[in-house]
Amino acid sequence: SIASTFIGEGYMSYGRFGVAVFGLGLGLICSLWNRLALDPGQNGKLLIYATGLFWMSMNMRSMMLVCVNLLPCLAVLVFVVFGFPLLRRFVH
């Protein structure tokens, strides 16, 4: 399929200002996201980081499905926050 990238969607929505805002916004989110990978001591953070890469790569293709693409990352986040402590109780 042919889809405009976030640059094209930003330009169609708000012109050159939209391209700058979309680019800076996505860059800010990506830089904040990279901080998760800097803590190698926790496997949960690394799992969340890996699913977030899917979200970011899909958003660079098209900003139309931002919320839908975020759902797998949110599911892993909920599992890491609530599921890992429960699993530790049963394993040990």
Protein backbone atom coordinates (compact mmCIF):
# COMPACT_ATOMS: atom_id res chain seq x y z
CA SER A 1 0.00 0.00 0.00
CA ILE A 2 1.03 3.57 -0.48
CA ALA A 3 0.99 5.73 2.63
CA SER A 4 2.36 9.14 3.31
CA THR A 5 4.93 9.32 6.06
CA PHE A 6 4.63 11.49 9.14
CA ILE A 7 6.35 14.24 7.15
CA GLY A 8 3.66 14.16 4.47
CA GLU A 9 0.85 14.03 7.01
CA GLY A 10 2.35 16.91 8.97
CA TYR A 11 2.67 18.97 5.80
CA MET A 12 -0.90 18.22 4.70
CA SER A 13 -2.24 19.12 8.14
CA TYR A 14 -0.24 22.21 9.12
CA GLY A 15 2.29 22.97 6.39
CA ARG A 16 5.96 23.43 7.19
CA PHE A 17 5.18 24.12 10.83
CA GLY A 18 3.46 20.73 11.04
CA VAL A 19 6.53 18.98 9.64
CA ALA A 20 8.70 20.61 12.28
CA VAL A 21 6.30 19.82 15.12
CA PHE A 22 5.76 16.20 14.03
CA GLY A 23 9.50 15.64 13.54
CA LEU A 24 10.52 17.22 16.83
CA GLY A 25 7.72 15.47 18.70
CA LEU A 26 8.59 12.04 17.35
CA GLY A 27 12.28 12.68 17.97
CA LEU A 28 11.56 13.64 21.58
CA ILE A 29 9.51 10.49 22.14
CA CYS A 30 12.26 8.36 20.57
CA SER A 31 14.97 9.91 22.75
CA LEU A 32 12.91 9.35 25.90
CA TRP A 33 12.20 5.79 24.78
CA ASN A 34 15.90 5.02 24.34
CA ARG A 35 16.44 5.56 28.07
CA LEU A 36 14.61 2.29 28.73
CA ALA A 37 17.35 0.29 27.02
CA LEU A 38 20.10 1.90 29.10
CA ASP A 39 19.16 -0.10 32.21
CA PRO A 40 20.26 -3.65 31.34
CA GLY A 41 19.41 -5.03 34.78
CA GLN A 42 15.71 -5.48 34.14
CA ASN A 43 14.35 -7.73 31.41
CA GLY A 44 10.91 -6.16 31.66
CA LYS A 45 12.18 -2.78 30.52
CA LEU A 46 13.95 -4.40 27.59
CA LEU A 47 10.72 -6.15 26.55
CA ILE A 48 8.80 -2.88 26.69
CA TYR A 49 11.57 -1.22 24.68
CA ALA A 50 11.40 -3.89 21.98
CA THR A 51 7.64 -3.57 21.54
CA GLY A 52 7.99 0.21 21.45
CA LEU A 53 10.29 -0.07 18.44
CA PHE A 54 7.35 -1.55 16.51
CA TRP A 55 5.18 1.38 17.56
CA MET A 56 7.76 3.96 16.47
CA SER A 57 8.47 2.31 13.14
CA MET A 58 4.78 2.09 12.31
CA ASN A 59 4.23 5.73 13.26
CA MET A 60 7.01 6.87 10.96
CA ARG A 61 5.06 5.28 8.13
CA SER A 62 1.72 6.84 9.06
CA MET A 63 0.42 8.76 12.08
CA MET A 64 -3.14 7.61 11.42
CA LEU A 65 -3.08 4.56 13.69
CA VAL A 66 -1.02 5.85 16.61
CA CYS A 67 -3.36 4.52 19.28
CA VAL A 68 -3.93 1.15 17.62
CA ASN A 69 -0.20 0.55 17.18
CA LEU A 70 0.37 1.42 20.83
CA LEU A 71 -1.85 -1.40 22.15
CA PRO A 72 0.79 -4.21 22.08
CA CYS A 73 3.22 -1.98 23.95
CA LEU A 74 0.60 -1.15 26.58
CA ALA A 75 -0.27 -4.84 26.98
CA VAL A 76 3.39 -5.69 27.63
CA LEU A 77 3.66 -2.76 30.04
CA VAL A 78 0.68 -4.04 32.05
CA PHE A 79 2.14 -7.55 32.05
CA VAL A 80 5.53 -6.33 33.24
CA VAL A 81 4.08 -4.15 36.00
CA PHE A 82 1.47 -6.62 37.27
CA GLY A 83 2.42 -10.01 35.86
CA PHE A 84 6.10 -10.25 36.79
CA PRO A 85 5.52 -9.71 40.54
CA LEU A 86 2.81 -12.39 40.54
CA LEU A 87 5.05 -14.83 38.69
CA ARG A 88 7.85 -14.26 41.20
CA ARG A 89 5.53 -15.27 44.06
CA PHE A 90 4.67 -18.58 42.42
CA VAL A 91 8.17 -19.46 41.20
CA HIS A 92 10.04 -18.91 44.46
